[in-house]
Amino acid sequence: MCQSALHAYDGEWRDGDTSFLKAIKDMISYSAKLDDQTKARAEYWADGPRSEQPPGHWMLFAGAISRKNSQTIDQDAKLNFAVSNALLDAGIAAWNAKRRYDFIRPVTAVRTTQAGKTIKAWAGPGQGTKVIPAEQFPSYIPTPPFPDYVSGHSTFSAAAAQVIRTSSGSDTLNVTSTFAAGSSFVEPGTVPAAPVKLGWSTFSAAAGEAGLSREYGGIHFRDADAHGLNLGRAIGTNTWNKANTYFQASPPAERRRHRAGDFCLSAPAGVASGLVPAGAGPGVGGPAAW
């Protein structure tokens, strides 16, 4: 499943590949065009150290949907079970790809392939867009110390969005968030100059922007984003299908044997059998709890 959702790389792009050179130019272009809107989106989704991180961000979305839809405890348990397991699998799959392909990050690619040239790009905090030596190219979001392909943000976000969308039967999200003036952690006090209102009408749009934010931030190539989204959607579908086998399953046979008048459940020898009086209520261990 994971491999079919990924691009069939034969190891890595070659320095002379036109697709590789285009991807590098695209990253430089994103950098040069950074404005308060794109900076706010890059930072909103950053979810770096000392934050809830990408999986936690999507658990917060799941909680918001629960409150909006007035879900029952049963519905919440199922949703959180499925979303958290999709996020776990997304992390495993994304980091498996990162270690397998060990692909270069944009900041390194720009500095090495464009060495000796000058480029127009964001020059650093408080400096805006300037013509700078390619060897000094900075990413707007600090580049993490692990490979580019695939994007973890894209994989996590698409997996969670797929589960939430499938479980609720709707892609509608309609959530907004305001990025306060001067609240940037990259350029504090000056960015954004005025509040920036962010919003996502659907889970799909939110997942897509989470991935794109890493391109704005200068830390992922387009393929890492797009293929991470593909991988995440496949994981979300598989996770929801697997979770449903638990949600729809009948109680195990040994539990069905518990009837009024019985005093214990069948249990392996040497294992406490959980003595309960007939008629004990929910939460105590009686028939209604099984």
C-alpha atoms as a PDB file:
ATOM      1  CA  MET A   1       0.000   0.000   0.000  1.00  0.00           C
ATOM      2  CA  CYS A   2       2.687   2.495   1.030  1.00  0.00           C
ATOM      3  CA  GLN A   3       4.862   1.965  -2.024  1.00  0.00           C
ATOM      4  CA  SER A   4       1.957   2.282  -4.456  1.00  0.00           C
ATOM      5  CA  ALA A   5       1.149   5.713  -3.010  1.00  0.00           C
ATOM      6  CA  LEU A   6       4.689   6.984  -3.533  1.00  0.00           C
ATOM      7  CA  HIS A   7       6.542   8.184  -6.585  1.00  0.00           C
ATOM      8  CA  ALA A   8       8.704   5.449  -8.088  1.00  0.00           C
ATOM      9  CA  TYR A   9      12.075   7.068  -7.425  1.00  0.00           C
ATOM     10  CA  ASP A  10      15.095   5.049  -8.514  1.00  0.00           C
ATOM     11  CA  GLY A  11      17.084   6.478  -5.648  1.00  0.00           C
ATOM     12  CA  GLU A  12      17.157  10.231  -6.136  1.00  0.00           C
ATOM     13  CA  TRP A  13      16.969  13.017  -8.657  1.00  0.00           C
ATOM     14  CA  ARG A  14      20.204  13.621 -10.532  1.00  0.00           C
ATOM     15  CA  ASP A  15      21.765  17.073 -10.469  1.00  0.00           C
ATOM     16  CA  GLY A  16      21.181  17.573 -14.185  1.00  0.00           C
ATOM     17  CA  ASP A  17      17.561  16.423 -14.232  1.00  0.00           C
ATOM     18  CA  THR A  18      15.280  19.135 -15.532  1.00  0.00           C
ATOM     19  CA  SER A  19      12.588  18.167 -13.006  1.00  0.00           C
ATOM     20  CA  PHE A  20      15.084  18.589 -10.167  1.00  0.00           C
ATOM     21  CA  LEU A  21      16.232  21.983 -11.441  1.00  0.00           C
ATOM     22  CA  LYS A  22      12.616  23.113 -11.831  1.00  0.00           C
ATOM     23  CA  ALA A  23      11.830  22.026  -8.269  1.00  0.00           C
ATOM     24  CA  ILE A  24      14.776  24.087  -7.020  1.00  0.00           C
ATOM     25  CA  LYS A  25      13.654  27.138  -9.000  1.00  0.00           C
ATOM     26  CA  ASP A  26      10.134  26.721  -7.593  1.00  0.00           C
ATOM     27  CA  MET A  27      11.518  26.810  -4.042  1.00  0.00           C
ATOM     28  CA  ILE A  28      13.490  29.983  -4.789  1.00  0.00           C
ATOM     29  CA  SER A  29      10.363  31.542  -6.296  1.00  0.00           C
ATOM     30  CA  TYR A  30       8.261  30.698  -3.201  1.00  0.00           C
ATOM     31  CA  SER A  31      10.943  32.310  -1.064  1.00  0.00           C
ATOM     32  CA  ALA A  32      11.082  35.494  -3.134  1.00  0.00           C
ATOM     33  CA  LYS A  33       7.301  35.905  -3.049  1.00  0.00           C
ATOM     34  CA  LEU A  34       6.810  35.386   0.686  1.00  0.00           C
ATOM     35  CA  ASP A  35       4.307  37.847   2.146  1.00  0.00           C
ATOM     36  CA  ASP A  36       2.350  38.091   5.388  1.00  0.00           C
ATOM     37  CA  GLN A  37      -0.290  35.624   4.141  1.00  0.00           C
ATOM     38  CA  THR A  38       2.143  32.870   3.135  1.00  0.00           C
ATOM     39  CA  LYS A  39       4.342  33.466   6.184  1.00  0.00           C
ATOM     40  CA  ALA A  40       1.304  33.162   8.466  1.00  0.00           C
ATOM     41  CA  ARG A  41       0.270  29.916   6.797  1.00  0.00           C
ATOM     42  CA  ALA A  42       3.797  28.507   7.056  1.00  0.00           C
ATOM     43  CA  GLU A  43       3.945  29.356  10.764  1.00  0.00           C
ATOM     44  CA  TYR A  44       0.394  28.309  11.652  1.00  0.00           C
ATOM     45  CA  TRP A  45       1.083  24.772  10.434  1.00  0.00           C
ATOM     46  CA  ALA A  46       4.702  24.625  11.639  1.00  0.00           C
ATOM     47  CA  ASP A  47       3.818  22.639  14.788  1.00  0.00           C
ATOM     48  CA  GLY A  48       7.459  22.410  15.788  1.00  0.00           C
ATOM     49  CA  PRO A  49       9.141  21.672  19.135  1.00  0.00           C
ATOM     50  CA  ARG A  50       7.188  22.604  22.278  1.00  0.00           C
ATOM     51  CA  SER A  51       3.878  22.507  20.391  1.00  0.00           C
ATOM     52  CA  GLU A  52       1.139  19.937  19.881  1.00  0.00           C
ATOM     53  CA  GLN A  53       3.010  18.905  16.696  1.00  0.00           C
ATOM     54  CA  PRO A  54       1.229  17.771  13.506  1.00  0.00           C
ATOM     55  CA  PRO A  55      -0.584  14.728  14.978  1.00  0.00           C
ATOM     56  CA  GLY A  56      -1.793  16.774  17.941  1.00  0.00           C
ATOM     57  CA  HIS A  57      -3.024  19.507  15.595  1.00  0.00           C
ATOM     58  CA  TRP A  58      -5.339  17.018  13.901  1.00  0.00           C
ATOM     59  CA  MET A  59      -6.514  15.610  17.228  1.00  0.00           C
ATOM     60  CA  LEU A  60      -7.548  19.178  18.087  1.00  0.00           C
ATOM     61  CA  PHE A  61      -9.519  19.307  14.824  1.00  0.00           C
ATOM     62  CA  ALA A  62     -11.192  16.014  15.767  1.00  0.00           C
ATOM     63  CA  GLY A  63     -12.126  17.511  19.140  1.00  0.00           C
ATOM     64  CA  ALA A  64     -13.566  20.595  17.466  1.00  0.00           C
ATOM     65  CA  ILE A  65     -15.749  18.440  15.230  1.00  0.00           C
ATOM     66  CA  SER A  66     -16.890  16.440  18.236  1.00  0.00           C
ATOM     67  CA  ARG A  67     -18.025  19.593  20.020  1.00  0.00           C
ATOM     68  CA  LYS A  68     -19.615  21.035  16.890  1.00  0.00           C
ATOM     69  CA  ASN A  69     -21.619  17.857  16.241  1.00  0.00           C
ATOM     70  CA  SER A  70     -22.415  17.192  19.929  1.00  0.00           C
ATOM     71  CA  GLN A  71     -21.038  13.679  19.612  1.00  0.00           C
ATOM     72  CA  THR A  72     -21.689  10.992  22.177  1.00  0.00           C
ATOM     73  CA  ILE A  73     -18.919   9.363  24.219  1.00  0.00           C
ATOM     74  CA  ASP A  74     -19.262   6.297  22.006  1.00  0.00           C
ATOM     75  CA  GLN A  75     -18.767   8.375  18.852  1.00  0.00           C
ATOM     76  CA  ASP A  76     -15.820  10.202  20.403  1.00  0.00           C
ATOM     77  CA  ALA A  77     -14.123   6.963  21.428  1.00  0.00           C
ATOM     78  CA  LYS A  78     -14.416   5.581  17.897  1.00  0.00           C
ATOM     79  CA  LEU A  79     -13.265   8.787  16.224  1.00  0.00           C
ATOM     80  CA  ASN A  80     -10.250   9.272  18.488  1.00  0.00           C
ATOM     81  CA  PHE A  81      -9.299   5.603  18.210  1.00  0.00           C
ATOM     82  CA  ALA A  82      -9.348   5.723  14.420  1.00  0.00           C
ATOM     83  CA  VAL A  83      -7.675   9.132  14.005  1.00  0.00           C
ATOM     84  CA  SER A  84      -4.884   8.402  16.492  1.00  0.00           C
ATOM     85  CA  ASN A  85      -4.124   5.058  14.855  1.00  0.00           C
ATOM     86  CA  ALA A  86      -4.074   6.676  11.412  1.00  0.00           C
ATOM     87  CA  LEU A  87      -1.589   9.234  12.728  1.00  0.00           C
ATOM     88  CA  LEU A  88       0.564   6.487  14.219  1.00  0.00           C
ATOM     89  CA  ASP A  89       0.645   4.599  10.921  1.00  0.00           C
ATOM     90  CA  ALA A  90       1.320   7.840   9.047  1.00  0.00           C
ATOM     91  CA  GLY A  91       4.405   8.460  11.150  1.00  0.00           C
ATOM     92  CA  ILE A  92       5.699   4.947  10.529  1.00  0.00           C
ATOM     93  CA  ALA A  93       5.119   5.126   6.776  1.00  0.00           C
ATOM     94  CA  ALA A  94       6.501   8.655   6.334  1.00  0.00           C
ATOM     95  CA  TRP A  95       9.687   7.970   8.254  1.00  0.00           C
ATOM     96  CA  ASN A  96      10.167   4.670   6.477  1.00  0.00           C
ATOM     97  CA  ALA A  97      10.141   6.632   3.200  1.00  0.00           C
ATOM     98  CA  LYS A  98      12.483   9.281   4.607  1.00  0.00           C
ATOM     99  CA  ARG A  99      15.038   6.665   5.598  1.00  0.00           C
ATOM    100  CA  ARG A 100      14.621   4.685   2.397  1.00  0.00           C
ATOM    101  CA  TYR A 101      15.059   7.606  -0.013  1.00  0.00           C
ATOM    102  CA  ASP A 102      17.238   9.837   2.225  1.00  0.00           C
ATOM    103  CA  PHE A 103      16.399  12.775  -0.037  1.00  0.00           C
ATOM    104  CA  ILE A 104      18.055  16.191   0.082  1.00  0.00           C
ATOM    105  CA  ARG A 105      16.266  19.177   1.640  1.00  0.00           C
ATOM    106  CA  PRO A 106      15.627  22.321  -0.459  1.00  0.00           C
ATOM    107  CA  VAL A 107      18.019  24.517   1.531  1.00  0.00           C
ATOM    108  CA  THR A 108      20.923  22.177   0.772  1.00  0.00           C
ATOM    109  CA  ALA A 109      19.866  21.673  -2.847  1.00  0.00           C
ATOM    110  CA  VAL A 110      19.692  25.418  -3.525  1.00  0.00           C
ATOM    111  CA  ARG A 111      23.016  26.162  -1.873  1.00  0.00           C
ATOM    112  CA  THR A 112      24.900  23.390  -3.667  1.00  0.00           C
ATOM    113  CA  THR A 113      23.387  23.380  -7.162  1.00  0.00           C
ATOM    114  CA  GLN A 114      23.285  27.170  -7.424  1.00  0.00           C
ATOM    115  CA  ALA A 115      26.664  27.800  -5.807  1.00  0.00           C
ATOM    116  CA  GLY A 116      28.499  30.746  -7.323  1.00  0.00           C
ATOM    117  CA  LYS A 117      25.262  32.393  -8.453  1.00  0.00           C
ATOM    118  CA  THR A 118      23.086  35.113  -6.969  1.00  0.00           C
ATOM    119  CA  ILE A 119      19.381  34.551  -6.452  1.00  0.00           C
ATOM    120  CA  LYS A 120      16.397  36.668  -5.434  1.00  0.00           C
ATOM    121  CA  ALA A 121      14.972  35.215  -2.226  1.00  0.00           C
ATOM    122  CA  TRP A 122      13.889  35.969   1.339  1.00  0.00           C
ATOM    123  CA  ALA A 123      17.147  37.002   2.972  1.00  0.00           C
ATOM    124  CA  GLY A 124      16.354  36.293   6.634  1.00  0.00           C
ATOM    125  CA  PRO A 125      14.375  37.737   9.554  1.00  0.00           C
ATOM    126  CA  GLY A 126      13.635  41.412   9.042  1.00  0.00           C
ATOM    127  CA  GLN A 127      15.494  41.598   5.725  1.00  0.00           C
ATOM    128  CA  GLY A 128      12.711  40.922   3.231  1.00  0.00           C
ATOM    129  CA  THR A 129      13.407  39.762  -0.313  1.00  0.00           C
ATOM    130  CA  LYS A 130      16.846  40.582  -1.702  1.00  0.00           C
ATOM    131  CA  VAL A 131      19.425  39.402  -4.184  1.00  0.00           C
ATOM    132  CA  ILE A 132      21.735  37.160  -2.187  1.00  0.00           C
ATOM    133  CA  PRO A 133      24.466  34.585  -2.848  1.00  0.00           C
ATOM    134  CA  ALA A 134      22.810  31.199  -3.373  1.00  0.00           C
ATOM    135  CA  GLU A 135      25.093  29.754  -0.691  1.00  0.00           C
ATOM    136  CA  GLN A 136      23.265  31.925   1.862  1.00  0.00           C
ATOM    137  CA  PHE A 137      19.750  30.773   0.941  1.00  0.00           C
ATOM    138  CA  PRO A 138      17.702  30.335   4.149  1.00  0.00           C
ATOM    139  CA  SER A 139      14.482  28.418   4.637  1.00  0.00           C
ATOM    140  CA  TYR A 140      11.739  30.505   6.252  1.00  0.00           C
ATOM    141  CA  ILE A 141      10.900  27.703   8.700  1.00  0.00           C
ATOM    142  CA  PRO A 142      13.998  26.122  10.291  1.00  0.00           C
ATOM    143  CA  THR A 143      14.921  23.018   8.288  1.00  0.00           C
ATOM    144  CA  PRO A 144      14.505  19.801  10.332  1.00  0.00           C
ATOM    145  CA  PRO A 145      17.509  17.445  10.629  1.00  0.00           C
ATOM    146  CA  PHE A 146      16.005  14.555   8.657  1.00  0.00           C
ATOM    147  CA  PRO A 147      15.262  13.840   4.968  1.00  0.00           C
ATOM    148  CA  ASP A 148      12.783  15.620   2.717  1.00  0.00           C
ATOM    149  CA  TYR A 149      10.808  12.790   1.100  1.00  0.00           C
ATOM    150  CA  VAL A 150       8.001  12.382   2.032  1.00  0.00           C
ATOM    151  CA  SER A 151       6.543  15.278   3.975  1.00  0.00           C
ATOM    152  CA  GLY A 152       5.426  14.148   7.419  1.00  0.00           C
ATOM    153  CA  HIS A 153       2.981  17.059   7.622  1.00  0.00           C
ATOM    154  CA  SER A 154       1.332  16.002   4.364  1.00  0.00           C
ATOM    155  CA  THR A 155       1.139  12.353   5.397  1.00  0.00           C
ATOM    156  CA  PHE A 156      -0.200  13.045   8.900  1.00  0.00           C
ATOM    157  CA  SER A 157      -2.729  15.596   7.647  1.00  0.00           C
ATOM    158  CA  ALA A 158      -4.120  13.552   4.758  1.00  0.00           C
ATOM    159  CA  ALA A 159      -4.415  10.420   6.913  1.00  0.00           C
ATOM    160  CA  ALA A 160      -6.322  12.204   9.671  1.00  0.00           C
ATOM    161  CA  ALA A 161      -8.494  14.151   7.224  1.00  0.00           C
ATOM    162  CA  GLN A 162      -9.437  10.940   5.423  1.00  0.00           C
ATOM    163  CA  VAL A 163     -10.534   9.258   8.653  1.00  0.00           C
ATOM    164  CA  ILE A 164     -12.516  12.259   9.912  1.00  0.00           C
ATOM    165  CA  ARG A 165     -14.134  12.800   6.519  1.00  0.00           C
ATOM    166  CA  THR A 166     -15.100   9.135   6.201  1.00  0.00           C
ATOM    167  CA  SER A 167     -16.326   8.744   9.764  1.00  0.00           C
ATOM    168  CA  SER A 168     -18.499  11.861   9.628  1.00  0.00           C
ATOM    169  CA  GLY A 169     -19.719  11.291   6.078  1.00  0.00           C
ATOM    170  CA  SER A 170     -18.828  14.878   5.200  1.00  0.00           C
ATOM    171  CA  ASP A 171     -15.769  16.847   4.130  1.00  0.00           C
ATOM    172  CA  THR A 172     -17.151  20.060   5.659  1.00  0.00           C
ATOM    173  CA  LEU A 173     -14.908  21.708   8.247  1.00  0.00           C
ATOM    174  CA  ASN A 174     -15.572  25.478   8.252  1.00  0.00           C
ATOM    175  CA  VAL A 175     -12.909  26.415  10.795  1.00  0.00           C
ATOM    176  CA  THR A 176     -11.085  29.746  11.015  1.00  0.00           C
ATOM    177  CA  SER A 177      -8.082  30.961  12.966  1.00  0.00           C
ATOM    178  CA  THR A 178      -6.659  34.459  13.248  1.00  0.00           C
ATOM    179  CA  PHE A 179      -2.889  34.924  13.185  1.00  0.00           C
ATOM    180  CA  ALA A 180      -2.384  38.000  15.348  1.00  0.00           C
ATOM    181  CA  ALA A 181      -0.352  40.994  14.197  1.00  0.00           C
ATOM    182  CA  GLY A 182       3.298  40.702  15.181  1.00  0.00           C
ATOM    183  CA  SER A 183       2.900  37.137  16.466  1.00  0.00           C
ATOM    184  CA  SER A 184       5.454  35.550  14.127  1.00  0.00           C
ATOM    185  CA  PHE A 185       8.089  33.375  15.792  1.00  0.00           C
ATOM    186  CA  VAL A 186      10.406  33.951  12.813  1.00  0.00           C
ATOM    187  CA  GLU A 187       9.971  37.736  12.594  1.00  0.00           C
ATOM    188  CA  PRO A 188       8.346  38.675  15.924  1.00  0.00           C
ATOM    189  CA  GLY A 189       6.804  42.107  16.303  1.00  0.00           C
ATOM    190  CA  THR A 190       6.644  42.866  12.590  1.00  0.00           C
ATOM    191  CA  VAL A 191       4.945  39.901  10.894  1.00  0.00           C
ATOM    192  CA  PRO A 192       2.166  39.993  10.092  1.00  0.00           C
ATOM    193  CA  ALA A 193       1.705  43.742   9.940  1.00  0.00           C
ATOM    194  CA  ALA A 194      -2.048  43.239  10.465  1.00  0.00           C
ATOM    195  CA  PRO A 195      -4.055  40.218  11.654  1.00  0.00           C
ATOM    196  CA  VAL A 196      -4.305  37.446   9.065  1.00  0.00           C
ATOM    197  CA  LYS A 197      -7.476  35.369   9.075  1.00  0.00           C
ATOM    198  CA  LEU A 198      -6.952  31.771   7.998  1.00  0.00           C
ATOM    199  CA  GLY A 199      -9.793  29.425   7.167  1.00  0.00           C
ATOM    200  CA  TRP A 200     -10.600  26.022   5.703  1.00  0.00           C
ATOM    201  CA  SER A 201     -14.012  25.058   4.381  1.00  0.00           C
ATOM    202  CA  THR A 202     -13.138  21.353   4.136  1.00  0.00           C
ATOM    203  CA  PHE A 203     -10.825  18.801   5.730  1.00  0.00           C
ATOM    204  CA  SER A 204      -9.307  18.243   2.303  1.00  0.00           C
ATOM    205  CA  ALA A 205      -8.451  21.942   2.010  1.00  0.00           C
ATOM    206  CA  ALA A 206      -6.885  21.970   5.469  1.00  0.00           C
ATOM    207  CA  ALA A 207      -4.758  18.912   4.705  1.00  0.00           C
ATOM    208  CA  GLY A 208      -3.706  20.397   1.385  1.00  0.00           C
ATOM    209  CA  GLU A 209      -2.665  23.661   2.996  1.00  0.00           C
ATOM    210  CA  ALA A 210      -0.774  21.853   5.757  1.00  0.00           C
ATOM    211  CA  GLY A 211       1.340  20.241   3.043  1.00  0.00           C
ATOM    212  CA  LEU A 212       1.705  23.414   0.983  1.00  0.00           C
ATOM    213  CA  SER A 213       2.798  25.334   4.080  1.00  0.00           C
ATOM    214  CA  ARG A 214       6.002  23.294   4.078  1.00  0.00           C
ATOM    215  CA  GLU A 215       6.760  24.502   0.572  1.00  0.00           C
ATOM    216  CA  TYR A 216       6.111  28.092   1.685  1.00  0.00           C
ATOM    217  CA  GLY A 217       8.445  27.426   4.591  1.00  0.00           C
ATOM    218  CA  GLY A 218      11.181  26.295   2.215  1.00  0.00           C
ATOM    219  CA  ILE A 219      11.633  22.882   3.762  1.00  0.00           C
ATOM    220  CA  HIS A 220       9.906  20.488   1.318  1.00  0.00           C
ATOM    221  CA  PHE A 221       9.869  20.036  -2.430  1.00  0.00           C
ATOM    222  CA  ARG A 222       6.529  19.684  -4.216  1.00  0.00           C
ATOM    223  CA  ASP A 223       6.910  15.931  -4.712  1.00  0.00           C
ATOM    224  CA  ALA A 224       7.447  15.386  -0.988  1.00  0.00           C
ATOM    225  CA  ASP A 225       4.197  17.245  -0.328  1.00  0.00           C
ATOM    226  CA  ALA A 226       2.059  15.733  -3.109  1.00  0.00           C
ATOM    227  CA  HIS A 227       3.202  12.156  -2.580  1.00  0.00           C
ATOM    228  CA  GLY A 228       2.870  12.525   1.182  1.00  0.00           C
ATOM    229  CA  LEU A 229      -0.771  13.505   0.668  1.00  0.00           C
ATOM    230  CA  ASN A 230      -1.301  10.429  -1.525  1.00  0.00           C
ATOM    231  CA  LEU A 231       0.316   8.216   1.082  1.00  0.00           C
ATOM    232  CA  GLY A 232      -1.725   9.749   3.895  1.00  0.00           C
ATOM    233  CA  ARG A 233      -5.034   9.241   2.095  1.00  0.00           C
ATOM    234  CA  ALA A 234      -4.212   5.578   1.510  1.00  0.00           C
ATOM    235  CA  ILE A 235      -3.297   5.153   5.180  1.00  0.00           C
ATOM    236  CA  GLY A 236      -6.469   6.898   6.321  1.00  0.00           C
ATOM    237  CA  THR A 237      -8.630   4.628   4.173  1.00  0.00           C
ATOM    238  CA  ASN A 238      -6.900   1.473   5.399  1.00  0.00           C
ATOM    239  CA  THR A 239      -7.032   2.591   9.027  1.00  0.00           C
ATOM    240  CA  TRP A 240     -10.746   3.410   8.913  1.00  0.00           C
ATOM    241  CA  ASN A 241     -11.540   0.081   7.258  1.00  0.00           C
ATOM    242  CA  LYS A 242      -9.549  -1.773   9.905  1.00  0.00           C
ATOM    243  CA  ALA A 243     -11.072   0.219  12.760  1.00  0.00           C
ATOM    244  CA  ASN A 244     -14.531  -0.610  11.471  1.00  0.00           C
ATOM    245  CA  THR A 245     -13.819  -4.320  11.888  1.00  0.00           C
ATOM    246  CA  TYR A 246     -13.557  -3.612  15.620  1.00  0.00           C
ATOM    247  CA  PHE A 247     -16.535  -1.270  15.732  1.00  0.00           C
ATOM    248  CA  GLN A 248     -18.796  -3.794  13.965  1.00  0.00           C
ATOM    249  CA  ALA A 249     -17.490  -6.961  15.615  1.00  0.00           C
ATOM    250  CA  SER A 250     -19.591  -9.149  17.914  1.00  0.00           C
ATOM    251  CA  PRO A 251     -18.336  -9.690  21.481  1.00  0.00           C
ATOM    252  CA  PRO A 252     -15.882 -12.606  21.825  1.00  0.00           C
ATOM    253  CA  ALA A 253     -17.464 -15.988  22.513  1.00  0.00           C
ATOM    254  CA  GLU A 254     -16.219 -16.180  26.102  1.00  0.00           C
ATOM    255  CA  ARG A 255     -17.944 -12.881  26.854  1.00  0.00           C
ATOM    256  CA  ARG A 256     -21.248 -14.010  25.341  1.00  0.00           C
ATOM    257  CA  ARG A 257     -21.233 -16.886  27.821  1.00  0.00           C
ATOM    258  CA  HIS A 258     -21.741 -14.419  30.673  1.00  0.00           C
ATOM    259  CA  ARG A 259     -25.434 -14.660  31.574  1.00  0.00           C
ATOM    260  CA  ALA A 260     -27.606 -13.761  34.524  1.00  0.00           C
ATOM    261  CA  GLY A 261     -26.911 -16.429  37.146  1.00  0.00           C
ATOM    262  CA  ASP A 262     -23.278 -16.932  36.088  1.00  0.00           C
ATOM    263  CA  PHE A 263     -20.671 -15.897  38.608  1.00  0.00           C
ATOM    264  CA  CYS A 264     -17.562 -15.742  36.459  1.00  0.00           C
ATOM    265  CA  LEU A 265     -16.229 -15.472  32.936  1.00  0.00           C
ATOM    266  CA  SER A 266     -14.304 -18.294  31.379  1.00  0.00           C
ATOM    267  CA  ALA A 267     -10.605 -17.565  31.768  1.00  0.00           C
ATOM    268  CA  PRO A 268      -7.326 -19.407  31.236  1.00  0.00           C
ATOM    269  CA  ALA A 269      -6.077 -21.432  34.186  1.00  0.00           C
ATOM    270  CA  GLY A 270      -4.174 -19.287  36.630  1.00  0.00           C
ATOM    271  CA  VAL A 271      -5.813 -16.080  35.448  1.00  0.00           C
ATOM    272  CA  ALA A 272      -8.203 -14.221  37.732  1.00  0.00           C
ATOM    273  CA  SER A 273     -11.665 -14.881  36.404  1.00  0.00           C
ATOM    274  CA  GLY A 274     -13.311 -11.661  37.608  1.00  0.00           C
ATOM    275  CA  LEU A 275     -16.042 -12.871  39.950  1.00  0.00           C
ATOM    276  CA  VAL A 276     -19.139 -10.704  39.721  1.00  0.00           C
ATOM    277  CA  PRO A 277     -22.584 -11.203  41.225  1.00  0.00           C
ATOM    278  CA  ALA A 278     -25.493 -11.775  38.874  1.00  0.00           C
ATOM    279  CA  GLY A 279     -27.190  -8.547  37.865  1.00  0.00           C
ATOM    280  CA  ALA A 280     -24.234  -6.236  38.491  1.00  0.00           C
ATOM    281  CA  GLY A 281     -24.730  -2.996  36.566  1.00  0.00           C
ATOM    282  CA  PRO A 282     -22.678  -1.174  33.937  1.00  0.00           C
ATOM    283  CA  GLY A 283     -19.247  -0.184  35.100  1.00  0.00           C
ATOM    284  CA  VAL A 284     -19.223  -2.985  37.673  1.00  0.00           C
ATOM    285  CA  GLY A 285     -18.938  -5.877  35.274  1.00  0.00           C
ATOM    286  CA  GLY A 286     -22.511  -7.080  34.781  1.00  0.00           C
ATOM    287  CA  PRO A 287     -24.185  -8.114  31.540  1.00  0.00           C
ATOM    288  CA  ALA A 288     -24.717  -4.560  30.299  1.00  0.00           C
ATOM    289  CA  ALA A 289     -20.958  -3.973  30.337  1.00  0.00           C
ATOM    290  CA  TRP A 290     -20.283  -6.923  28.057  1.00  0.00           C
END
